[in-house]
Amino acid sequence: PAASPDVVPTLPLVAAVGAIGVLSGS
């Protein structure tokens, strides 16, 4: 189902961990 326009979209925790790891390594 489509998310309500009033709900701020989120990403899974693995996306956050991966973002920090990729930035650190690069």
mmCIF file of all heavy atoms, coordinates in Angstrom:
data_MODEL
# 
_entry.id   MODEL 
# 
loop_
_atom_site.group_PDB 
_atom_site.id 
_atom_site.type_symbol 
_atom_site.label_atom_id 
_atom_site.label_alt_id 
_atom_site.label_comp_id 
_atom_site.label_asym_id 
_atom_site.label_entity_id 
_atom_site.label_seq_id 
_atom_site.pdbx_PDB_ins_code 
_atom_site.Cartn_x 
_atom_site.Cartn_y 
_atom_site.Cartn_z 
_atom_site.occupancy 
_atom_site.B_iso_or_equiv 
_atom_site.pdbx_formal_charge 
_atom_site.auth_seq_id 
_atom_site.auth_comp_id 
_atom_site.auth_asym_id 
_atom_site.auth_atom_id 
_atom_site.pdbx_PDB_model_num 
ATOM 1   N N   . PRO A 1 1  ? 0.827  -1.212 0.000  1.00 0.00 ? 1  PRO A N   1 
ATOM 2   C CA  . PRO A 1 1  ? 0.000  0.000  0.000  1.00 0.00 ? 1  PRO A CA  1 
ATOM 3   C C   . PRO A 1 1  ? 0.852  1.248  0.000  1.00 0.00 ? 1  PRO A C   1 
ATOM 4   O O   . PRO A 1 1  ? 1.934  1.281  0.588  1.00 0.00 ? 1  PRO A O   1 
ATOM 5   C CB  . PRO A 1 1  ? -0.801 -0.124 1.306  1.00 0.00 ? 1  PRO A CB  1 
ATOM 6   C CG  . PRO A 1 1  ? 0.004  -1.047 2.172  1.00 0.00 ? 1  PRO A CG  1 
ATOM 7   C CD  . PRO A 1 1  ? 0.661  -2.003 1.229  1.00 0.00 ? 1  PRO A CD  1 
ATOM 8   N N   . ALA A 1 2  ? 0.350  2.256  -0.685 1.00 0.00 ? 2  ALA A N   1 
ATOM 9   C CA  . ALA A 1 2  ? 1.094  3.524  -0.771 1.00 0.00 ? 2  ALA A CA  1 
ATOM 10  C C   . ALA A 1 2  ? 1.129  4.195  0.587  1.00 0.00 ? 2  ALA A C   1 
ATOM 11  O O   . ALA A 1 2  ? 0.168  4.165  1.349  1.00 0.00 ? 2  ALA A O   1 
ATOM 12  C CB  . ALA A 1 2  ? 0.431  4.445  -1.801 1.00 0.00 ? 2  ALA A CB  1 
ATOM 13  N N   . ALA A 1 3  ? 2.267  4.813  0.880  1.00 0.00 ? 3  ALA A N   1 
ATOM 14  C CA  . ALA A 1 3  ? 2.416  5.490  2.162  1.00 0.00 ? 3  ALA A CA  1 
ATOM 15  C C   . ALA A 1 3  ? 1.618  6.777  2.184  1.00 0.00 ? 3  ALA A C   1 
ATOM 16  O O   . ALA A 1 3  ? 1.428  7.429  1.165  1.00 0.00 ? 3  ALA A O   1 
ATOM 17  C CB  . ALA A 1 3  ? 3.893  5.789  2.423  1.00 0.00 ? 3  ALA A CB  1 
ATOM 18  N N   . SER A 1 4  ? 1.137  7.113  3.342  1.00 0.00 ? 4  SER A N   1 
ATOM 19  C CA  . SER A 1 4  ? 0.404  8.355  3.489  1.00 0.00 ? 4  SER A CA  1 
ATOM 20  C C   . SER A 1 4  ? 1.327  9.529  3.229  1.00 0.00 ? 4  SER A C   1 
ATOM 21  O O   . SER A 1 4  ? 2.500  9.514  3.637  1.00 0.00 ? 4  SER A O   1 
ATOM 22  C CB  . SER A 1 4  ? -0.166 8.456  4.911  1.00 0.00 ? 4  SER A CB  1 
ATOM 23  O OG  . SER A 1 4  ? -0.680 9.748  5.141  1.00 0.00 ? 4  SER A OG  1 
ATOM 24  N N   . PRO A 1 5  ? 0.847  10.565 2.532  1.00 0.00 ? 5  PRO A N   1 
ATOM 25  C CA  . PRO A 1 5  ? 1.728  11.718 2.259  1.00 0.00 ? 5  PRO A CA  1 
ATOM 26  C C   . PRO A 1 5  ? 2.176  12.430 3.515  1.00 0.00 ? 5  PRO A C   1 
ATOM 27  O O   . PRO A 1 5  ? 3.127  13.187 3.495  1.00 0.00 ? 5  PRO A O   1 
ATOM 28  C CB  . PRO A 1 5  ? 0.838  12.625 1.383  1.00 0.00 ? 5  PRO A CB  1 
ATOM 29  C CG  . PRO A 1 5  ? -0.573 12.194 1.671  1.00 0.00 ? 5  PRO A CG  1 
ATOM 30  C CD  . PRO A 1 5  ? -0.496 10.734 1.965  1.00 0.00 ? 5  PRO A CD  1 
ATOM 31  N N   . ASP A 1 6  ? 1.484  12.198 4.648  1.00 0.00 ? 6  ASP A N   1 
ATOM 32  C CA  . ASP A 1 6  ? 1.875  12.851 5.893  1.00 0.00 ? 6  ASP A CA  1 
ATOM 33  C C   . ASP A 1 6  ? 2.948  12.084 6.652  1.00 0.00 ? 6  ASP A C   1 
ATOM 34  O O   . ASP A 1 6  ? 3.480  12.581 7.643  1.00 0.00 ? 6  ASP A O   1 
ATOM 35  C CB  . ASP A 1 6  ? 0.640  13.016 6.794  1.00 0.00 ? 6  ASP A CB  1 
ATOM 36  C CG  . ASP A 1 6  ? -0.413 13.924 6.162  1.00 0.00 ? 6  ASP A CG  1 
ATOM 37  O OD1 . ASP A 1 6  ? -0.008 14.821 5.404  1.00 0.00 ? 6  ASP A OD1 1 
ATOM 38  O OD2 . ASP A 1 6  ? -1.614 13.711 6.418  1.00 0.00 ? 6  ASP A OD2 1 
ATOM 39  N N   . VAL A 1 7  ? 3.252  10.862 6.208  1.00 0.00 ? 7  VAL A N   1 
ATOM 40  C CA  . VAL A 1 7  ? 4.235  10.029 6.883  1.00 0.00 ? 7  VAL A CA  1 
ATOM 41  C C   . VAL A 1 7  ? 5.601  10.228 6.246  1.00 0.00 ? 7  VAL A C   1 
ATOM 42  O O   . VAL A 1 7  ? 5.754  10.086 5.033  1.00 0.00 ? 7  VAL A O   1 
ATOM 43  C CB  . VAL A 1 7  ? 3.825  8.542  6.820  1.00 0.00 ? 7  VAL A CB  1 
ATOM 44  C CG1 . VAL A 1 7  ? 4.884  7.681  7.484  1.00 0.00 ? 7  VAL A CG1 1 
ATOM 45  C CG2 . VAL A 1 7  ? 2.474  8.328  7.484  1.00 0.00 ? 7  VAL A CG2 1 
ATOM 46  N N   . VAL A 1 8  ? 6.600  10.569 7.057  1.00 0.00 ? 8  VAL A N   1 
ATOM 47  C CA  . VAL A 1 8  ? 7.950  10.750 6.546  1.00 0.00 ? 8  VAL A CA  1 
ATOM 48  C C   . VAL A 1 8  ? 8.534  9.380  6.230  1.00 0.00 ? 8  VAL A C   1 
ATOM 49  O O   . VAL A 1 8  ? 8.539  8.490  7.081  1.00 0.00 ? 8  VAL A O   1 
ATOM 50  C CB  . VAL A 1 8  ? 8.829  11.473 7.583  1.00 0.00 ? 8  VAL A CB  1 
ATOM 51  C CG1 . VAL A 1 8  ? 10.259 11.589 7.074  1.00 0.00 ? 8  VAL A CG1 1 
ATOM 52  C CG2 . VAL A 1 8  ? 8.253  12.833 7.882  1.00 0.00 ? 8  VAL A CG2 1 
ATOM 53  N N   . PRO A 1 9  ? 9.007  9.145  5.000  1.00 0.00 ? 9  PRO A N   1 
ATOM 54  C CA  . PRO A 1 9  ? 9.535  7.827  4.647  1.00 0.00 ? 9  PRO A CA  1 
ATOM 55  C C   . PRO A 1 9  ? 10.796 7.509  5.437  1.00 0.00 ? 9  PRO A C   1 
ATOM 56  O O   . PRO A 1 9  ? 11.572 8.389  5.787  1.00 0.00 ? 9  PRO A O   1 
ATOM 57  C CB  . PRO A 1 9  ? 9.837  7.962  3.145  1.00 0.00 ? 9  PRO A CB  1 
ATOM 58  C CG  . PRO A 1 9  ? 10.015 9.433  2.919  1.00 0.00 ? 9  PRO A CG  1 
ATOM 59  C CD  . PRO A 1 9  ? 9.085  10.095 3.886  1.00 0.00 ? 9  PRO A CD  1 
ATOM 60  N N   . THR A 1 10 ? 10.977 6.236  5.734  1.00 0.00 ? 10 THR A N   1 
ATOM 61  C CA  . THR A 1 10 ? 12.161 5.772  6.445  1.00 0.00 ? 10 THR A CA  1 
ATOM 62  C C   . THR A 1 10 ? 12.856 4.704  5.630  1.00 0.00 ? 10 THR A C   1 
ATOM 63  O O   . THR A 1 10 ? 12.296 4.172  4.664  1.00 0.00 ? 10 THR A O   1 
ATOM 64  C CB  . THR A 1 10 ? 11.792 5.199  7.827  1.00 0.00 ? 10 THR A CB  1 
ATOM 65  O OG1 . THR A 1 10 ? 10.893 4.091  7.646  1.00 0.00 ? 10 THR A OG1 1 
ATOM 66  C CG2 . THR A 1 10 ? 11.130 6.248  8.700  1.00 0.00 ? 10 THR A CG2 1 
ATOM 67  N N   . LEU A 1 11 ? 14.075 4.403  6.016  1.00 0.00 ? 11 LEU A N   1 
ATOM 68  C CA  . LEU A 1 11 ? 14.873 3.355  5.394  1.00 0.00 ? 11 LEU A CA  1 
ATOM 69  C C   . LEU A 1 11 ? 15.265 2.353  6.477  1.00 0.00 ? 11 LEU A C   1 
ATOM 70  O O   . LEU A 1 11 ? 15.273 2.694  7.663  1.00 0.00 ? 11 LEU A O   1 
ATOM 71  C CB  . LEU A 1 11 ? 16.120 3.946  4.737  1.00 0.00 ? 11 LEU A CB  1 
ATOM 72  C CG  . LEU A 1 11 ? 15.883 4.903  3.567  1.00 0.00 ? 11 LEU A CG  1 
ATOM 73  C CD1 . LEU A 1 11 ? 17.179 5.612  3.185  1.00 0.00 ? 11 LEU A CD1 1 
ATOM 74  C CD2 . LEU A 1 11 ? 15.306 4.171  2.360  1.00 0.00 ? 11 LEU A CD2 1 
ATOM 75  N N   . PRO A 1 12 ? 15.600 1.120  6.119  1.00 0.00 ? 12 PRO A N   1 
ATOM 76  C CA  . PRO A 1 12 ? 16.001 0.147  7.138  1.00 0.00 ? 12 PRO A CA  1 
ATOM 77  C C   . PRO A 1 12 ? 17.334 0.516  7.769  1.00 0.00 ? 12 PRO A C   1 
ATOM 78  O O   . PRO A 1 12 ? 18.124 1.290  7.208  1.00 0.00 ? 12 PRO A O   1 
ATOM 79  C CB  . PRO A 1 12 ? 16.092 -1.169 6.353  1.00 0.00 ? 12 PRO A CB  1 
ATOM 80  C CG  . PRO A 1 12 ? 16.308 -0.761 4.939  1.00 0.00 ? 12 PRO A CG  1 
ATOM 81  C CD  . PRO A 1 12 ? 15.557 0.527  4.775  1.00 0.00 ? 12 PRO A CD  1 
ATOM 82  N N   . LEU A 1 13 ? 17.593 -0.062 8.932  1.00 0.00 ? 13 LEU A N   1 
ATOM 83  C CA  . LEU A 1 13 ? 18.811 0.253  9.671  1.00 0.00 ? 13 LEU A CA  1 
ATOM 84  C C   . LEU A 1 13 ? 20.058 -0.107 8.876  1.00 0.00 ? 13 LEU A C   1 
ATOM 85  O O   . LEU A 1 13 ? 21.083 0.576  8.980  1.00 0.00 ? 13 LEU A O   1 
ATOM 86  C CB  . LEU A 1 13 ? 18.802 -0.502 11.009 1.00 0.00 ? 13 LEU A CB  1 
ATOM 87  C CG  . LEU A 1 13 ? 19.968 -0.226 11.959 1.00 0.00 ? 13 LEU A CG  1 
ATOM 88  C CD1 . LEU A 1 13 ? 20.005 1.245  12.347 1.00 0.00 ? 13 LEU A CD1 1 
ATOM 89  C CD2 . LEU A 1 13 ? 19.863 -1.106 13.200 1.00 0.00 ? 13 LEU A CD2 1 
ATOM 90  N N   . VAL A 1 14 ? 19.978 -1.156 8.066  1.00 0.00 ? 14 VAL A N   1 
ATOM 91  C CA  . VAL A 1 14 ? 21.147 -1.564 7.280  1.00 0.00 ? 14 VAL A CA  1 
ATOM 92  C C   . VAL A 1 14 ? 21.569 -0.460 6.311  1.00 0.00 ? 14 VAL A C   1 
ATOM 93  O O   . VAL A 1 14 ? 22.761 -0.329 5.994  1.00 0.00 ? 14 VAL A O   1 
ATOM 94  C CB  . VAL A 1 14 ? 20.849 -2.869 6.518  1.00 0.00 ? 14 VAL A CB  1 
ATOM 95  C CG1 . VAL A 1 14 ? 19.751 -2.666 5.490  1.00 0.00 ? 14 VAL A CG1 1 
ATOM 96  C CG2 . VAL A 1 14 ? 22.099 -3.410 5.842  1.00 0.00 ? 14 VAL A CG2 1 
ATOM 97  N N   . ALA A 1 15 ? 20.630 0.353  5.852  1.00 0.00 ? 15 ALA A N   1 
ATOM 98  C CA  . ALA A 1 15 ? 20.975 1.466  4.965  1.00 0.00 ? 15 ALA A CA  1 
ATOM 99  C C   . ALA A 1 15 ? 21.821 2.499  5.688  1.00 0.00 ? 15 ALA A C   1 
ATOM 100 O O   . ALA A 1 15 ? 22.785 3.049  5.127  1.00 0.00 ? 15 ALA A O   1 
ATOM 101 C CB  . ALA A 1 15 ? 19.705 2.110  4.412  1.00 0.00 ? 15 ALA A CB  1 
ATOM 102 N N   . ALA A 1 16 ? 21.482 2.767  6.959  1.00 0.00 ? 16 ALA A N   1 
ATOM 103 C CA  . ALA A 1 16 ? 22.250 3.734  7.749  1.00 0.00 ? 16 ALA A CA  1 
ATOM 104 C C   . ALA A 1 16 ? 23.646 3.216  8.043  1.00 0.00 ? 16 ALA A C   1 
ATOM 105 O O   . ALA A 1 16 ? 24.643 3.939  7.892  1.00 0.00 ? 16 ALA A O   1 
ATOM 106 C CB  . ALA A 1 16 ? 21.511 4.036  9.053  1.00 0.00 ? 16 ALA A CB  1 
ATOM 107 N N   . VAL A 1 17 ? 23.739 1.952  8.454  1.00 0.00 ? 17 VAL A N   1 
ATOM 108 C CA  . VAL A 1 17 ? 25.049 1.356  8.750  1.00 0.00 ? 17 VAL A CA  1 
ATOM 109 C C   . VAL A 1 17 ? 25.912 1.316  7.495  1.00 0.00 ? 17 VAL A C   1 
ATOM 110 O O   . VAL A 1 17 ? 27.109 1.633  7.513  1.00 0.00 ? 17 VAL A O   1 
ATOM 111 C CB  . VAL A 1 17 ? 24.874 -0.047 9.343  1.00 0.00 ? 17 VAL A CB  1 
ATOM 112 C CG1 . VAL A 1 17 ? 26.227 -0.711 9.551  1.00 0.00 ? 17 VAL A CG1 1 
ATOM 113 C CG2 . VAL A 1 17 ? 24.106 0.014  10.656 1.00 0.00 ? 17 VAL A CG2 1 
ATOM 114 N N   . GLY A 1 18 ? 25.309 0.944  6.390  1.00 0.00 ? 18 GLY A N   1 
ATOM 115 C CA  . GLY A 1 18 ? 26.056 0.899  5.137  1.00 0.00 ? 18 GLY A CA  1 
ATOM 116 C C   . GLY A 1 18 ? 26.552 2.260  4.701  1.00 0.00 ? 18 GLY A C   1 
ATOM 117 O O   . GLY A 1 18 ? 27.667 2.394  4.186  1.00 0.00 ? 18 GLY A O   1 
ATOM 118 N N   . ALA A 1 19 ? 25.733 3.292  4.915  1.00 0.00 ? 19 ALA A N   1 
ATOM 119 C CA  . ALA A 1 19 ? 26.135 4.645  4.524  1.00 0.00 ? 19 ALA A CA  1 
ATOM 120 C C   . ALA A 1 19 ? 27.365 5.104  5.292  1.00 0.00 ? 19 ALA A C   1 
ATOM 121 O O   . ALA A 1 19 ? 28.294 5.696  4.717  1.00 0.00 ? 19 ALA A O   1 
ATOM 122 C CB  . ALA A 1 19 ? 24.973 5.616  4.754  1.00 0.00 ? 19 ALA A CB  1 
ATOM 123 N N   . ILE A 1 20 ? 27.396 4.826  6.592  1.00 0.00 ? 20 ILE A N   1 
ATOM 124 C CA  . ILE A 1 20 ? 28.558 5.208  7.402  1.00 0.00 ? 20 ILE A CA  1 
ATOM 125 C C   . ILE A 1 20 ? 29.786 4.406  6.978  1.00 0.00 ? 20 ILE A C   1 
ATOM 126 O O   . ILE A 1 20 ? 30.893 4.947  6.865  1.00 0.00 ? 20 ILE A O   1 
ATOM 127 C CB  . ILE A 1 20 ? 28.259 5.004  8.893  1.00 0.00 ? 20 ILE A CB  1 
ATOM 128 C CG1 . ILE A 1 20 ? 27.127 5.939  9.340  1.00 0.00 ? 20 ILE A CG1 1 
ATOM 129 C CG2 . ILE A 1 20 ? 29.505 5.244  9.739  1.00 0.00 ? 20 ILE A CG2 1 
ATOM 130 C CD1 . ILE A 1 20 ? 26.691 5.734  10.766 1.00 0.00 ? 20 ILE A CD1 1 
ATOM 131 N N   . GLY A 1 21 ? 29.608 3.117  6.738  1.00 0.00 ? 21 GLY A N   1 
ATOM 132 C CA  . GLY A 1 21 ? 30.731 2.288  6.323  1.00 0.00 ? 21 GLY A CA  1 
ATOM 133 C C   . GLY A 1 21 ? 31.301 2.690  4.980  1.00 0.00 ? 21 GLY A C   1 
ATOM 134 O O   . GLY A 1 21 ? 32.522 2.749  4.801  1.00 0.00 ? 21 GLY A O   1 
ATOM 135 N N   . VAL A 1 22 ? 30.428 2.978  4.028  1.00 0.00 ? 22 VAL A N   1 
ATOM 136 C CA  . VAL A 1 22 ? 30.883 3.383  2.694  1.00 0.00 ? 22 VAL A CA  1 
ATOM 137 C C   . VAL A 1 22 ? 31.624 4.710  2.762  1.00 0.00 ? 22 VAL A C   1 
ATOM 138 O O   . VAL A 1 22 ? 32.692 4.879  2.147  1.00 0.00 ? 22 VAL A O   1 
ATOM 139 C CB  . VAL A 1 22 ? 29.686 3.469  1.726  1.00 0.00 ? 22 VAL A CB  1 
ATOM 140 C CG1 . VAL A 1 22 ? 30.091 4.140  0.417  1.00 0.00 ? 22 VAL A CG1 1 
ATOM 141 C CG2 . VAL A 1 22 ? 29.137 2.081  1.443  1.00 0.00 ? 22 VAL A CG2 1 
ATOM 142 N N   . LEU A 1 23 ? 31.082 5.678  3.500  1.00 0.00 ? 23 LEU A N   1 
ATOM 143 C CA  . LEU A 1 23 ? 31.748 6.982  3.610  1.00 0.00 ? 23 LEU A CA  1 
ATOM 144 C C   . LEU A 1 23 ? 33.107 6.851  4.287  1.00 0.00 ? 23 LEU A C   1 
ATOM 145 O O   . LEU A 1 23 ? 34.098 7.445  3.832  1.00 0.00 ? 23 LEU A O   1 
ATOM 146 C CB  . LEU A 1 23 ? 30.858 7.951  4.394  1.00 0.00 ? 23 LEU A CB  1 
ATOM 147 C CG  . LEU A 1 23 ? 31.418 9.361  4.590  1.00 0.00 ? 23 LEU A CG  1 
ATOM 148 C CD1 . LEU A 1 23 ? 31.622 10.052 3.249  1.00 0.00 ? 23 LEU A CD1 1 
ATOM 149 C CD2 . LEU A 1 23 ? 30.501 10.186 5.479  1.00 0.00 ? 23 LEU A CD2 1 
ATOM 150 N N   . SER A 1 24 ? 33.175 6.070  5.353  1.00 0.00 ? 24 SER A N   1 
ATOM 151 C CA  . SER A 1 24 ? 34.445 5.900  6.063  1.00 0.00 ? 24 SER A CA  1 
ATOM 152 C C   . SER A 1 24 ? 35.493 5.262  5.153  1.00 0.00 ? 24 SER A C   1 
ATOM 153 O O   . SER A 1 24 ? 36.631 5.751  5.053  1.00 0.00 ? 24 SER A O   1 
ATOM 154 C CB  . SER A 1 24 ? 34.236 5.031  7.308  1.00 0.00 ? 24 SER A CB  1 
ATOM 155 O OG  . SER A 1 24 ? 33.275 5.601  8.169  1.00 0.00 ? 24 SER A OG  1 
ATOM 156 N N   . GLY A 1 25 ? 35.119 4.185  4.485  1.00 0.00 ? 25 GLY A N   1 
ATOM 157 C CA  . GLY A 1 25 ? 36.072 3.492  3.623  1.00 0.00 ? 25 GLY A CA  1 
ATOM 158 C C   . GLY A 1 25 ? 36.536 4.336  2.460  1.00 0.00 ? 25 GLY A C   1 
ATOM 159 O O   . GLY A 1 25 ? 37.730 4.342  2.112  1.00 0.00 ? 25 GLY A O   1 
ATOM 160 N N   . SER A 1 26 ? 35.619 5.073  1.843  1.00 0.00 ? 26 SER A N   1 
ATOM 161 C CA  . SER A 1 26 ? 35.994 5.870  0.678  1.00 0.00 ? 26 SER A CA  1 
ATOM 162 C C   . SER A 1 26 ? 36.890 7.046  1.054  1.00 0.00 ? 26 SER A C   1 
ATOM 163 O O   . SER A 1 26 ? 37.818 7.391  0.314  1.00 0.00 ? 26 SER A O   1 
ATOM 164 C CB  . SER A 1 26 ? 34.737 6.370  -0.039 1.00 0.00 ? 26 SER A CB  1 
ATOM 165 O OG  . SER A 1 26 ? 33.981 7.213  0.809  1.00 0.00 ? 26 SER A OG  1 
# 
